[in-house]
C-alpha atoms as a PDB file:
ATOM      1  CA  UNK A   1     155.267 170.361 151.482  1.00  0.00           C
ATOM      2  CA  UNK A   2     155.298 174.170 151.427  1.00  0.00           C
ATOM      3  CA  UNK A   3     157.369 175.809 148.711  1.00  0.00           C
ATOM      4  CA  UNK A   4     158.686 179.229 149.720  1.00  0.00           C
ATOM      5  CA  UNK A   5     159.503 181.967 147.207  1.00  0.00           C
ATOM      6  CA  UNK A   6     162.939 183.599 147.323  1.00  0.00           C
ATOM      7  CA  UNK A   7     161.580 186.954 148.579  1.00  0.00           C
ATOM      8  CA  UNK A   8     159.692 185.264 151.422  1.00  0.00           C
ATOM      9  CA  UNK A   9     162.706 183.157 152.345  1.00  0.00           C
ATOM     10  CA  UNK A  10     164.738 186.380 152.484  1.00  0.00           C
ATOM     11  CA  UNK A  11     162.207 187.950 154.863  1.00  0.00           C
ATOM     12  CA  UNK A  12     162.260 184.905 157.163  1.00  0.00           C
ATOM     13  CA  UNK A  13     166.055 184.941 157.212  1.00  0.00           C
ATOM     14  CA  UNK A  14     166.233 188.771 157.534  1.00  0.00           C
ATOM     15  CA  UNK A  15     168.478 189.122 154.492  1.00  0.00           C
ATOM     16  CA  UNK A  16     168.066 190.495 150.966  1.00  0.00           C
ATOM     17  CA  UNK A  17     166.632 188.538 148.042  1.00  0.00           C
ATOM     18  CA  UNK A  18     170.081 188.737 146.440  1.00  0.00           C
ATOM     19  CA  UNK A  19     171.681 187.075 149.460  1.00  0.00           C
ATOM     20  CA  UNK A  20     169.261 184.155 149.217  1.00  0.00           C
ATOM     21  CA  UNK A  21     169.946 183.895 145.473  1.00  0.00           C
ATOM     22  CA  UNK A  22     173.701 183.796 146.174  1.00  0.00           C
ATOM     23  CA  UNK A  23     173.151 181.003 148.721  1.00  0.00           C
ATOM     24  CA  UNK A  24     171.071 179.104 146.161  1.00  0.00           C
ATOM     25  CA  UNK A  25     173.613 179.677 143.372  1.00  0.00           C
ATOM     26  CA  UNK A  26     176.442 178.677 145.716  1.00  0.00           C
ATOM     27  CA  UNK A  27     174.711 175.430 146.667  1.00  0.00           C
ATOM     28  CA  UNK A  28     174.274 176.383 150.336  1.00  0.00           C
ATOM     29  CA  UNK A  29     170.476 176.420 150.037  1.00  0.00           C
ATOM     30  CA  UNK A  30     168.729 173.992 147.661  1.00  0.00           C
ATOM     31  CA  UNK A  31     166.025 175.380 145.366  1.00  0.00           C
ATOM     32  CA  UNK A  32     163.839 174.180 142.527  1.00  0.00           C
ATOM     33  CA  UNK A  33     161.727 175.783 139.819  1.00  0.00           C
ATOM     34  CA  UNK A  34     157.941 175.917 140.274  1.00  0.00           C
ATOM     35  CA  UNK A  35     155.214 175.703 137.594  1.00  0.00           C
ATOM     36  CA  UNK A  36     155.547 179.474 136.976  1.00  0.00           C
ATOM     37  CA  UNK A  37     159.290 179.060 136.358  1.00  0.00           C
ATOM     38  CA  UNK A  38     160.212 180.830 139.633  1.00  0.00           C
ATOM     39  CA  UNK A  39     162.831 179.530 142.020  1.00  0.00           C
ATOM     40  CA  UNK A  40     161.307 178.211 145.237  1.00  0.00           C
ATOM     41  CA  UNK A  41     162.765 176.609 148.318  1.00  0.00           C
ATOM     42  CA  UNK A  42     161.315 173.545 149.986  1.00  0.00           C
ATOM     43  CA  UNK A  43     159.997 174.529 153.416  1.00  0.00           C
ATOM     44  CA  UNK A  44     161.940 171.738 155.130  1.00  0.00           C
ATOM     45  CA  UNK A  45     165.217 172.883 153.591  1.00  0.00           C
ATOM     46  CA  UNK A  46     164.512 176.488 154.552  1.00  0.00           C
ATOM     47  CA  UNK A  47     163.610 175.467 158.112  1.00  0.00           C
ATOM     48  CA  UNK A  48     166.893 173.573 158.444  1.00  0.00           C
ATOM     49  CA  UNK A  49     168.835 176.521 157.001  1.00  0.00           C
ATOM     50  CA  UNK A  50     167.012 179.032 159.249  1.00  0.00           C
ATOM     51  CA  UNK A  51     167.849 177.005 162.325  1.00  0.00           C
ATOM     52  CA  UNK A  52     171.527 176.997 161.379  1.00  0.00           C
ATOM     53  CA  UNK A  53     171.619 180.700 160.363  1.00  0.00           C
ATOM     54  CA  UNK A  54     169.275 182.384 162.863  1.00  0.00           C
ATOM     55  CA  UNK A  55     168.957 186.199 162.507  1.00  0.00           C
ATOM     56  CA  UNK A  56     166.425 188.961 163.231  1.00  0.00           C
ATOM     57  CA  UNK A  57     162.779 187.802 163.240  1.00  0.00           C
ATOM     58  CA  UNK A  58     160.325 188.661 160.469  1.00  0.00           C
ATOM     59  CA  UNK A  59     157.409 191.048 161.113  1.00  0.00           C
ATOM     60  CA  UNK A  60     154.011 189.464 161.806  1.00  0.00           C
ATOM     61  CA  UNK A  61     152.306 188.965 158.403  1.00  0.00           C
ATOM     62  CA  UNK A  62     148.775 188.532 159.788  1.00  0.00           C
ATOM     63  CA  UNK A  63     147.941 192.224 160.162  1.00  0.00           C
ATOM     64  CA  UNK A  64     145.695 191.320 163.112  1.00  0.00           C
ATOM     65  CA  UNK A  65     145.907 193.417 166.268  1.00  0.00           C
ATOM     66  CA  UNK A  66     145.850 191.538 169.576  1.00  0.00           C
ATOM     67  CA  UNK A  67     146.481 192.269 173.210  1.00  0.00           C
ATOM     68  CA  UNK A  68     149.324 189.747 173.189  1.00  0.00           C
ATOM     69  CA  UNK A  69     152.442 191.772 172.381  1.00  0.00           C
ATOM     70  CA  UNK A  70     154.897 188.910 172.190  1.00  0.00           C
ATOM     71  CA  UNK A  71     154.463 187.482 168.692  1.00  0.00           C
ATOM     72  CA  UNK A  72     157.214 185.584 166.934  1.00  0.00           C
ATOM     73  CA  UNK A  73     156.923 184.790 163.227  1.00  0.00           C
ATOM     74  CA  UNK A  74     158.956 181.850 162.051  1.00  0.00           C
ATOM     75  CA  UNK A  75     159.279 178.483 160.418  1.00  0.00           C
ATOM     76  CA  UNK A  76     158.347 175.182 161.978  1.00  0.00           C
ATOM     77  CA  UNK A  77     161.609 173.287 162.458  1.00  0.00           C
ATOM     78  CA  UNK A  78     160.397 170.234 164.364  1.00  0.00           C
ATOM     79  CA  UNK A  79     157.113 168.514 165.247  1.00  0.00           C
ATOM     80  CA  UNK A  80     156.969 165.563 167.645  1.00  0.00           C
ATOM     81  CA  UNK A  81     153.542 164.005 168.157  1.00  0.00           C
ATOM     82  CA  UNK A  82     152.003 161.059 169.929  1.00  0.00           C
ATOM     83  CA  UNK A  83     148.347 160.082 170.071  1.00  0.00           C
ATOM     84  CA  UNK A  84     147.316 162.979 172.351  1.00  0.00           C
ATOM     85  CA  UNK A  85     150.026 165.649 172.655  1.00  0.00           C
ATOM     86  CA  UNK A  86     152.598 167.305 170.400  1.00  0.00           C
ATOM     87  CA  UNK A  87     155.687 169.459 170.707  1.00  0.00           C
ATOM     88  CA  UNK A  88     156.155 172.095 167.983  1.00  0.00           C
ATOM     89  CA  UNK A  89     159.431 173.994 167.553  1.00  0.00           C
ATOM     90  CA  UNK A  90     159.727 177.258 165.611  1.00  0.00           C
ATOM     91  CA  UNK A  91     162.842 179.129 164.541  1.00  0.00           C
ATOM     92  CA  UNK A  92     161.891 182.804 164.779  1.00  0.00           C
ATOM     93  CA  UNK A  93     164.985 184.698 163.688  1.00  0.00           C
ATOM     94  CA  UNK A  94     167.478 184.126 166.479  1.00  0.00           C
ATOM     95  CA  UNK A  95     164.783 182.703 168.770  1.00  0.00           C
ATOM     96  CA  UNK A  96     163.783 179.073 169.192  1.00  0.00           C
ATOM     97  CA  UNK A  97     160.208 178.858 170.452  1.00  0.00           C
ATOM     98  CA  UNK A  98     158.705 175.562 171.609  1.00  0.00           C
ATOM     99  CA  UNK A  99     155.014 174.946 172.267  1.00  0.00           C
ATOM    100  CA  UNK A 100     153.164 171.966 173.677  1.00  0.00           C
ATOM    101  CA  UNK A 101     149.686 171.431 172.257  1.00  0.00           C
ATOM    102  CA  UNK A 102     147.289 168.678 171.329  1.00  0.00           C
ATOM    103  CA  UNK A 103     148.089 166.486 168.337  1.00  0.00           C
ATOM    104  CA  UNK A 104     144.650 167.428 167.037  1.00  0.00           C
ATOM    105  CA  UNK A 105     145.645 171.125 167.005  1.00  0.00           C
ATOM    106  CA  UNK A 106     148.799 170.284 165.034  1.00  0.00           C
ATOM    107  CA  UNK A 107     146.696 168.469 162.431  1.00  0.00           C
ATOM    108  CA  UNK A 108     144.032 171.226 162.315  1.00  0.00           C
ATOM    109  CA  UNK A 109     146.669 173.947 161.795  1.00  0.00           C
ATOM    110  CA  UNK A 110     148.591 171.897 159.247  1.00  0.00           C
ATOM    111  CA  UNK A 111     151.805 172.316 161.217  1.00  0.00           C
ATOM    112  CA  UNK A 112     154.729 170.506 159.637  1.00  0.00           C
ATOM    113  CA  UNK A 113     158.426 171.191 159.233  1.00  0.00           C
ATOM    114  CA  UNK A 114     158.833 174.129 156.864  1.00  0.00           C
ATOM    115  CA  UNK A 115     155.390 175.648 157.489  1.00  0.00           C
ATOM    116  CA  UNK A 116     155.061 179.345 158.375  1.00  0.00           C
ATOM    117  CA  UNK A 117     153.592 180.015 161.817  1.00  0.00           C
ATOM    118  CA  UNK A 118     153.330 182.707 164.487  1.00  0.00           C
ATOM    119  CA  UNK A 119     154.035 181.980 168.157  1.00  0.00           C
ATOM    120  CA  UNK A 120     151.895 184.153 170.440  1.00  0.00           C
ATOM    121  CA  UNK A 121     153.183 184.347 174.001  1.00  0.00           C
ATOM    122  CA  UNK A 122     150.773 185.549 176.672  1.00  0.00           C
ATOM    123  CA  UNK A 123     151.624 184.882 180.294  1.00  0.00           C
ATOM    124  CA  UNK A 124     152.791 181.243 180.460  1.00  0.00           C
ATOM    125  CA  UNK A 125     150.914 180.084 177.369  1.00  0.00           C
ATOM    126  CA  UNK A 126     152.415 179.803 173.870  1.00  0.00           C
ATOM    127  CA  UNK A 127     149.879 179.652 171.052  1.00  0.00           C
ATOM    128  CA  UNK A 128     150.888 178.765 167.477  1.00  0.00           C
ATOM    129  CA  UNK A 129     149.022 180.415 164.575  1.00  0.00           C
ATOM    130  CA  UNK A 130     149.345 180.237 160.823  1.00  0.00           C
ATOM    131  CA  UNK A 131     148.642 183.191 158.525  1.00  0.00           C
ATOM    132  CA  UNK A 132     145.151 183.006 157.000  1.00  0.00           C
ATOM    133  CA  UNK A 133     145.129 180.660 154.023  1.00  0.00           C
ATOM    134  CA  UNK A 134     148.779 179.680 154.464  1.00  0.00           C
ATOM    135  CA  UNK A 135     150.054 176.505 156.057  1.00  0.00           C
END
């Protein structure tokens, strides 16, 4: 399960690091300490929290330029799969984005609740991406 650092959680939630720390200290957002003695948030917990407290979306972290202008960075909040197809839901700031794709694509991209992903919307197609090296 992805563990998200406080500063990254703050970026996803469009708030300051201090705000996330206050939520952690106040018990509103569970956190744990990683091997480097830093506070981290379980991706599933952050996804749940993001869904409940949707705000402005985070900037695209990939740095890749594309013709598709509609890119939404967010956290995977739900994945429903069967043997062939899957439904993936992202919370991108105040936006809920849902994509239908093959179950194989979900496995290949490592999409699970709490993972970071980018929804790319071009025409009627929604494509889900993960930042290079991050799932």
